[in-house]
C-alpha atoms as a PDB file:
ATOM      1  CA  MET A   1      87.105  78.478  80.443  1.00  0.00           C
ATOM      2  CA  THR A   2      86.265  81.274  82.811  1.00  0.00           C
ATOM      3  CA  ALA A   3      82.651  82.508  82.936  1.00  0.00           C
ATOM      4  CA  PRO A   4      82.274  86.190  81.607  1.00  0.00           C
ATOM      5  CA  ASN A   5      81.516  87.432  85.085  1.00  0.00           C
ATOM      6  CA  GLU A   6      84.890  85.944  86.457  1.00  0.00           C
ATOM      7  CA  LEU A   7      87.159  87.680  84.057  1.00  0.00           C
ATOM      8  CA  ARG A   8      90.035  89.234  85.881  1.00  0.00           C
ATOM      9  CA  LEU A   9      90.564  93.039  85.420  1.00  0.00           C
ATOM     10  CA  LEU A  10      94.333  93.375  84.648  1.00  0.00           C
ATOM     11  CA  PRO A  11      96.329  96.056  86.236  1.00  0.00           C
ATOM     12  CA  TRP A  12      97.091  97.865  82.926  1.00  0.00           C
ATOM     13  CA  SER A  13      94.845  99.256  80.128  1.00  0.00           C
ATOM     14  CA  GLY A  14      94.869  98.812  76.414  1.00  0.00           C
ATOM     15  CA  PRO A  15      94.472 101.370  73.560  1.00  0.00           C
ATOM     16  CA  GLY A  16      92.280 104.202  74.451  1.00  0.00           C
ATOM     17  CA  ASP A  17      92.763 103.587  78.029  1.00  0.00           C
ATOM     18  CA  LYS A  18      90.183 100.603  77.874  1.00  0.00           C
ATOM     19  CA  PRO A  19      90.416  98.006  80.424  1.00  0.00           C
ATOM     20  CA  CYS A  20      92.023  94.585  79.847  1.00  0.00           C
ATOM     21  CA  TYR A  21      90.699  91.411  81.085  1.00  0.00           C
ATOM     22  CA  LEU A  22      92.173  87.950  81.590  1.00  0.00           C
ATOM     23  CA  SER A  23      90.178  84.736  81.060  1.00  0.00           C
ATOM     24  CA  THR A  24      91.825  81.723  82.494  1.00  0.00           C
ATOM     25  CA  ASP A  25      91.246  78.702  84.727  1.00  0.00           C
ATOM     26  CA  ASP A  26      94.885  78.850  85.997  1.00  0.00           C
ATOM     27  CA  PRO A  27      95.479  81.371  88.843  1.00  0.00           C
ATOM     28  CA  ASP A  28      99.112  80.318  88.635  1.00  0.00           C
ATOM     29  CA  GLY A  29      99.574  80.787  84.865  1.00  0.00           C
ATOM     30  CA  TYR A  30     102.007  83.166  83.347  1.00  0.00           C
ATOM     31  CA  MET A  31      99.611  85.931  82.805  1.00  0.00           C
ATOM     32  CA  SER A  32      98.109  85.649  86.242  1.00  0.00           C
ATOM     33  CA  ARG A  33     101.519  85.800  87.830  1.00  0.00           C
ATOM     34  CA  LEU A  34     102.510  88.769  85.555  1.00  0.00           C
ATOM     35  CA  ALA A  35      99.363  90.549  86.714  1.00  0.00           C
ATOM     36  CA  ASP A  36     100.129  89.731  90.442  1.00  0.00           C
ATOM     37  CA  ASN A  37     103.733  91.129  90.018  1.00  0.00           C
ATOM     38  CA  VAL A  38     102.557  94.394  88.309  1.00  0.00           C
ATOM     39  CA  GLU A  39      99.784  94.906  91.023  1.00  0.00           C
ATOM     40  CA  ALA A  40     102.443  94.370  93.763  1.00  0.00           C
ATOM     41  CA  ALA A  41     104.842  96.950  91.933  1.00  0.00           C
ATOM     42  CA  GLN A  42     101.861  99.383  91.643  1.00  0.00           C
ATOM     43  CA  LEU A  43     101.002  99.058  95.317  1.00  0.00           C
ATOM     44  CA  ASP A  44     104.718  99.449  96.359  1.00  0.00           C
ATOM     45  CA  THR A  45     104.847 102.667  94.297  1.00  0.00           C
ATOM     46  CA  ALA A  46     101.904 104.060  96.007  1.00  0.00           C
ATOM     47  CA  ALA A  47     103.298 103.175  99.345  1.00  0.00           C
ATOM     48  CA  GLN A  48     106.585 104.906  98.532  1.00  0.00           C
ATOM     49  CA  LEU A  49     104.691 108.079  97.387  1.00  0.00           C
ATOM     50  CA  LEU A  50     102.737 108.147 100.525  1.00  0.00           C
ATOM     51  CA  GLU A  51     105.955 107.922 102.600  1.00  0.00           C
ATOM     52  CA  GLY A  52     107.302 111.085 101.052  1.00  0.00           C
ATOM     53  CA  VAL A  53     104.072 113.124 100.598  1.00  0.00           C
ATOM     54  CA  SER A  54     103.837 114.479 104.113  1.00  0.00           C
ATOM     55  CA  GLU A  55     107.338 115.795 104.141  1.00  0.00           C
ATOM     56  CA  ILE A  56     106.589 117.688 100.882  1.00  0.00           C
ATOM     57  CA  LEU A  57     103.225 118.918 102.021  1.00  0.00           C
ATOM     58  CA  ASP A  58     104.595 120.020 105.466  1.00  0.00           C
ATOM     59  CA  ALA A  59     107.276 122.102 103.898  1.00  0.00           C
ATOM     60  CA  GLU A  60     106.666 125.877 104.016  1.00  0.00           C
ATOM     61  CA  ASP A  61     108.442 126.723 100.810  1.00  0.00           C
ATOM     62  CA  VAL A  62     107.124 124.170  98.472  1.00  0.00           C
ATOM     63  CA  ASP A  63     108.027 124.714  94.785  1.00  0.00           C
ATOM     64  CA  PRO A  64     104.750 124.766  92.868  1.00  0.00           C
ATOM     65  CA  VAL A  65     106.431 122.687  90.127  1.00  0.00           C
ATOM     66  CA  GLU A  66     107.165 120.049  92.662  1.00  0.00           C
ATOM     67  CA  LEU A  67     103.521 120.046  93.991  1.00  0.00           C
ATOM     68  CA  ARG A  68     102.252 119.694  90.408  1.00  0.00           C
ATOM     69  CA  ARG A  69     104.716 116.806  89.804  1.00  0.00           C
ATOM     70  CA  LEU A  70     103.635 115.232  93.165  1.00  0.00           C
ATOM     71  CA  SER A  71      99.940 115.609  92.214  1.00  0.00           C
ATOM     72  CA  HIS A  72     100.498 113.838  88.861  1.00  0.00           C
ATOM     73  CA  ALA A  73     102.401 110.968  90.670  1.00  0.00           C
ATOM     74  CA  LEU A  74      99.606 110.641  93.336  1.00  0.00           C
ATOM     75  CA  ASN A  75      96.855 110.631  90.617  1.00  0.00           C
ATOM     76  CA  GLY A  76      98.545 107.829  88.740  1.00  0.00           C
ATOM     77  CA  ALA A  77      99.112 105.824  91.813  1.00  0.00           C
ATOM     78  CA  LEU A  78      95.526 106.278  93.062  1.00  0.00           C
ATOM     79  CA  LYS A  79      94.288 105.065  89.626  1.00  0.00           C
ATOM     80  CA  ASP A  80      96.483 102.060  89.769  1.00  0.00           C
ATOM     81  CA  VAL A  81      95.515 101.195  93.384  1.00  0.00           C
ATOM     82  CA  PHE A  82      91.737 101.694  92.555  1.00  0.00           C
ATOM     83  CA  ARG A  83      92.128  99.414  89.591  1.00  0.00           C
ATOM     84  CA  VAL A  84      93.796  96.782  91.912  1.00  0.00           C
ATOM     85  CA  ALA A  85      90.998  97.084  94.445  1.00  0.00           C
ATOM     86  CA  VAL A  86      88.296  96.599  91.812  1.00  0.00           C
ATOM     87  CA  SER A  87      90.125  93.655  90.374  1.00  0.00           C
ATOM     88  CA  ARG A  88      90.530  92.022  93.746  1.00  0.00           C
ATOM     89  CA  GLY A  89      87.056  92.767  94.687  1.00  0.00           C
ATOM     90  CA  HIS A  90      85.843  90.996  91.537  1.00  0.00           C
ATOM     91  CA  LEU A  91      87.981  88.013  92.308  1.00  0.00           C
ATOM     92  CA  LEU A  92      86.584  87.679  95.768  1.00  0.00           C
ATOM     93  CA  ALA A  93      82.997  87.962  94.554  1.00  0.00           C
ATOM     94  CA  ALA A  94      83.694  85.325  91.949  1.00  0.00           C
ATOM     95  CA  GLY A  95      84.730  83.025  94.808  1.00  0.00           C
ATOM     96  CA  GLU A  96      88.434  82.664  93.953  1.00  0.00           C
ATOM     97  CA  PRO A  97      90.771  82.262  97.060  1.00  0.00           C
ATOM     98  CA  GLN A  98      92.567  85.393  98.010  1.00  0.00           C
ATOM     99  CA  ARG A  99      96.289  85.253  97.539  1.00  0.00           C
ATOM    100  CA  ASN A 100      98.829  87.390  99.391  1.00  0.00           C
END
Protein backbone atom coordinates (compact mmCIF):
# COMPACT_ATOMS: atom_id res chain seq x y z
CA MET A 1 0.00 0.00 0.00
CA THR A 2 1.09 3.58 -0.59
CA ALA A 3 2.70 5.55 2.22
CA PRO A 4 0.59 8.47 3.52
CA ASN A 5 2.99 11.05 2.03
CA GLU A 6 2.62 9.38 -1.39
CA LEU A 7 -1.15 9.71 -1.77
CA ARG A 8 -2.21 11.13 -5.11
CA LEU A 9 -4.33 14.27 -5.03
CA LEU A 10 -7.19 13.58 -7.40
CA PRO A 11 -8.41 16.20 -9.89
CA TRP A 12 -11.84 16.44 -8.27
CA SER A 13 -13.07 17.26 -4.82
CA GLY A 14 -15.48 15.59 -2.47
CA PRO A 15 -18.37 16.91 -0.39
CA GLY A 16 -17.69 20.35 1.02
CA ASP A 17 -15.02 20.87 -1.64
CA LYS A 18 -12.63 18.68 0.37
CA PRO A 19 -9.69 17.13 -1.51
CA CYS A 20 -9.84 13.49 -2.60
CA TYR A 21 -6.78 11.27 -2.56
CA LEU A 22 -5.89 7.95 -4.16
CA SER A 23 -3.83 5.31 -2.44
CA THR A 24 -2.54 2.69 -4.85
CA ASP A 25 0.60 0.88 -5.86
CA ASP A 26 -0.62 0.64 -9.47
CA PRO A 27 -0.08 3.82 -11.52
CA ASP A 28 -1.86 2.08 -14.42
CA GLY A 29 -4.93 1.03 -12.42
CA TYR A 30 -8.45 2.14 -13.28
CA MET A 31 -8.58 5.08 -10.84
CA SER A 32 -5.10 6.30 -11.82
CA ARG A 33 -6.06 6.24 -15.51
CA LEU A 34 -9.37 7.97 -14.74
CA ALA A 35 -7.53 10.70 -12.84
CA ASP A 36 -5.04 11.07 -15.72
CA ASN A 37 -7.91 11.44 -18.20
CA VAL A 38 -9.73 14.01 -16.04
CA GLU A 39 -6.51 16.00 -15.63
CA ALA A 40 -5.95 15.94 -19.40
CA ALA A 41 -9.50 17.20 -19.99
CA GLN A 42 -9.06 19.97 -17.40
CA LEU A 43 -5.80 21.12 -18.98
CA ASP A 44 -7.40 21.03 -22.44
CA THR A 45 -10.30 23.16 -21.20
CA ALA A 46 -7.86 25.71 -19.76
CA ALA A 47 -5.95 25.81 -23.06
CA GLN A 48 -9.16 26.42 -25.01
CA LEU A 49 -10.14 29.25 -22.66
CA LEU A 50 -6.73 30.86 -23.08
CA GLU A 51 -7.07 30.74 -26.86
CA GLY A 52 -10.28 32.78 -26.76
CA VAL A 53 -9.62 35.13 -23.88
CA SER A 54 -7.41 37.61 -25.75
CA GLU A 55 -10.03 38.16 -28.41
CA ILE A 56 -12.68 38.95 -25.81
CA LEU A 57 -10.42 41.20 -23.76
CA ASP A 58 -9.22 43.09 -26.84
CA ALA A 59 -12.76 43.88 -27.97
CA GLU A 60 -13.78 47.46 -27.30
CA ASP A 61 -17.46 46.80 -26.66
CA VAL A 62 -17.34 43.78 -24.38
CA ASP A 63 -20.60 42.89 -22.70
CA PRO A 64 -20.17 42.93 -18.89
CA VAL A 65 -22.17 39.69 -18.63
CA GLU A 66 -19.76 38.05 -21.07
CA LEU A 67 -16.79 39.27 -19.03
CA ARG A 68 -18.35 37.91 -15.85
CA ARG A 69 -18.98 34.53 -17.51
CA LEU A 70 -15.39 34.48 -18.78
CA SER A 71 -14.10 35.35 -15.30
CA HIS A 72 -16.01 32.45 -13.76
CA ALA A 73 -14.76 30.05 -16.43
CA LEU A 74 -11.15 31.22 -15.99
CA ASN A 75 -11.45 30.95 -12.21
CA GLY A 76 -12.64 27.34 -12.48
CA ALA A 77 -9.93 26.47 -14.99
CA LEU A 78 -7.23 28.07 -12.83
CA LYS A 79 -8.39 26.05 -9.80
CA ASP A 80 -8.26 22.85 -11.87
CA VAL A 81 -4.81 23.59 -13.31
CA PHE A 82 -3.48 24.49 -9.87
CA ARG A 83 -4.79 21.18 -8.45
CA VAL A 84 -3.12 19.28 -11.33
CA ALA A 85 0.17 21.12 -10.68
CA VAL A 86 0.04 20.35 -6.95
CA SER A 87 -0.79 16.71 -7.62
CA ARG A 88 2.01 16.28 -10.14
CA GLY A 89 4.45 18.08 -7.86
CA HIS A 90 3.60 15.64 -5.08
CA LEU A 91 4.07 12.70 -7.46
CA LEU A 92 7.49 13.99 -8.48
CA ALA A 93 8.49 14.56 -4.86
CA ALA A 94 7.40 11.01 -4.02
CA GLY A 95 9.73 9.70 -6.72
CA GLU A 96 7.18 8.34 -9.16
CA PRO A 97 8.19 8.53 -12.79
CA GLN A 98 6.53 11.39 -14.67
CA ARG A 99 4.09 10.27 -17.35
CA ASN A 100 3.03 12.36 -20.35
